Amino acid sequence: MGLILDTNFIITAEREAKRGITTTIDRFFAGRAKESYYITFTVAGELACGQSASPKKDWERLCAPYPVLPWSSDVSWQYGEIYRALSAKGQLIGTNDMWIAATALVHDMGVVTLNVDEFSRVPGLMVLPY
């Protein structure tokens, strides 16, 4: 399998590194040393929006440790499936979160996030808090 790191995970890691502490991130990784970690094209885009990722070399540094899962037609279809399912229940989540969830489902991966309440609404998605 593999796990997709949500934007908030990368931001937490960056903030902890700047403070010289990595307690939260180290604790998460400690029990999952053999796991593979990824980010999505959406997470890369969200990171590009942040002040800590400007200039571009800083954004590249944030993204570099993780392979970026790209957009695909399967991801788009899965996004539509998620949208329809959540909309029918009146439980839509953020657009970028739906893209992340769709990418995770297509690649049979879980999502590591602090945004558990929203991601947990997505049918069939494994959500791991950190």
Protein backbone atom coordinates (compact mmCIF):
# COMPACT_ATOMS: atom_id res chain seq x y z
CA MET A 1 0.00 0.00 0.00
CA GLY A 2 1.19 3.51 0.69
CA LEU A 3 0.02 6.59 2.48
CA ILE A 4 -0.74 10.05 1.19
CA LEU A 5 0.37 12.87 3.45
CA ASP A 6 -2.15 15.70 3.63
CA THR A 7 -0.94 19.28 3.41
CA ASN A 8 -1.35 19.79 7.15
CA PHE A 9 1.13 16.96 7.81
CA ILE A 10 3.81 18.59 5.65
CA ILE A 11 3.16 21.97 7.28
CA THR A 12 3.41 20.43 10.77
CA ALA A 13 6.70 18.78 9.79
CA GLU A 14 8.03 22.09 8.47
CA ARG A 15 6.99 24.02 11.57
CA GLU A 16 8.48 21.43 13.90
CA ALA A 17 11.74 21.39 11.93
CA LYS A 18 12.01 25.19 12.14
CA ARG A 19 11.54 24.97 15.92
CA GLY A 20 14.11 22.20 16.21
CA ILE A 21 11.53 19.66 17.41
CA THR A 22 10.02 16.80 15.50
CA THR A 23 8.01 15.08 18.20
CA THR A 24 4.69 14.75 16.35
CA ILE A 25 6.20 13.72 13.04
CA ASP A 26 8.83 11.39 14.55
CA ARG A 27 6.16 9.67 16.63
CA PHE A 28 4.03 9.08 13.53
CA PHE A 29 6.90 7.73 11.42
CA ALA A 30 8.36 5.60 14.25
CA GLY A 31 5.77 2.87 13.94
CA ARG A 32 5.63 2.98 10.16
CA ALA A 33 9.24 2.75 9.03
CA LYS A 34 8.47 0.39 6.15
CA GLU A 35 5.59 2.45 4.76
CA SER A 36 5.85 4.42 1.50
CA TYR A 37 4.70 8.04 1.61
CA TYR A 38 3.36 10.22 -1.19
CA ILE A 39 1.71 13.55 -1.81
CA THR A 40 -0.84 14.34 -4.48
CA PHE A 41 -0.75 16.96 -7.19
CA THR A 42 -3.29 18.81 -5.05
CA VAL A 43 -1.09 18.79 -1.95
CA ALA A 44 1.82 20.06 -4.05
CA GLY A 45 -0.43 22.87 -5.28
CA GLU A 46 -1.57 23.76 -1.77
CA LEU A 47 2.04 23.86 -0.60
CA ALA A 48 2.88 26.21 -3.49
CA CYS A 49 0.34 28.68 -2.07
CA GLY A 50 2.08 29.01 1.30
CA GLN A 51 4.54 31.68 2.30
CA SER A 52 7.05 29.08 3.53
CA ALA A 53 7.20 27.67 0.00
CA SER A 54 8.23 30.88 -1.67
CA PRO A 55 10.60 31.06 -3.52
CA LYS A 56 10.16 28.02 -5.73
CA LYS A 57 13.28 26.30 -4.38
CA ASP A 58 11.64 26.16 -0.95
CA TRP A 59 8.50 24.58 -2.45
CA GLU A 60 10.68 22.04 -4.27
CA ARG A 61 12.42 21.24 -0.96
CA LEU A 62 9.05 20.64 0.75
CA CYS A 63 7.87 18.33 -2.02
CA ALA A 64 11.18 16.56 -2.76
CA PRO A 65 10.98 13.78 -0.14
CA TYR A 66 7.68 12.49 -1.52
CA PRO A 67 6.70 11.20 -4.95
CA VAL A 68 3.82 13.27 -6.33
CA LEU A 69 0.83 11.25 -7.50
CA PRO A 70 -0.48 12.89 -10.67
CA TRP A 71 -3.94 13.68 -11.97
CA SER A 72 -5.51 11.01 -14.17
CA SER A 73 -8.87 10.36 -15.77
CA ASP A 74 -9.47 7.66 -13.14
CA VAL A 75 -8.87 10.23 -10.40
CA SER A 76 -11.35 12.58 -12.08
CA TRP A 77 -13.98 9.85 -12.25
CA GLN A 78 -13.41 8.94 -8.61
CA TYR A 79 -13.72 12.63 -7.69
CA GLY A 80 -17.15 12.64 -9.33
CA GLU A 81 -18.14 9.49 -7.44
CA ILE A 82 -17.12 11.10 -4.14
CA TYR A 83 -18.89 14.33 -4.99
CA ARG A 84 -22.15 12.55 -5.84
CA ALA A 85 -22.04 10.38 -2.71
CA LEU A 86 -21.32 13.26 -0.33
CA SER A 87 -23.66 15.69 -2.05
CA ALA A 88 -26.55 13.22 -1.77
CA LYS A 89 -26.02 13.18 2.01
CA GLY A 90 -25.51 16.95 2.26
CA GLN A 91 -21.96 16.28 3.53
CA LEU A 92 -19.65 17.81 0.94
CA ILE A 93 -16.06 18.42 1.97
CA GLY A 94 -13.51 20.83 0.53
CA THR A 95 -12.73 20.54 -3.16
CA ASN A 96 -9.02 19.92 -2.63
CA ASP A 97 -9.80 17.28 0.00
CA MET A 98 -12.04 15.48 -2.51
CA TRP A 99 -9.16 15.47 -5.02
CA ILE A 100 -6.82 14.06 -2.37
CA ALA A 101 -9.38 11.41 -1.39
CA ALA A 102 -10.03 10.50 -5.03
CA THR A 103 -6.31 10.05 -5.65
CA ALA A 104 -6.01 7.91 -2.52
CA LEU A 105 -8.91 5.66 -3.55
CA VAL A 106 -7.61 5.19 -7.10
CA HIS A 107 -4.18 4.20 -5.77
CA ASP A 108 -5.59 2.13 -2.86
CA MET A 109 -3.89 4.31 -0.27
CA GLY A 110 -4.86 5.92 3.01
CA VAL A 111 -4.63 9.61 3.91
CA VAL A 112 -2.63 10.91 6.89
CA THR A 113 -4.30 14.07 8.17
CA LEU A 114 -5.55 16.13 11.07
CA ASN A 115 -8.72 16.71 9.05
CA VAL A 116 -10.22 13.38 10.11
CA ASP A 117 -13.84 14.54 10.33
CA GLU A 118 -14.03 15.57 6.69
CA PHE A 119 -11.97 12.77 5.15
CA SER A 120 -13.89 10.17 7.17
CA ARG A 121 -17.04 11.10 5.25
CA VAL A 122 -15.56 9.60 2.07
CA PRO A 123 -16.84 6.04 1.65
CA GLY A 124 -14.07 3.44 1.61
CA LEU A 125 -11.24 5.87 2.44
CA MET A 126 -8.75 4.86 5.14
CA VAL A 127 -7.97 7.91 7.27
CA LEU A 128 -5.07 8.02 9.72
CA PRO A 129 -4.73 10.86 12.22
CA TYR A 130 -1.27 11.87 13.36
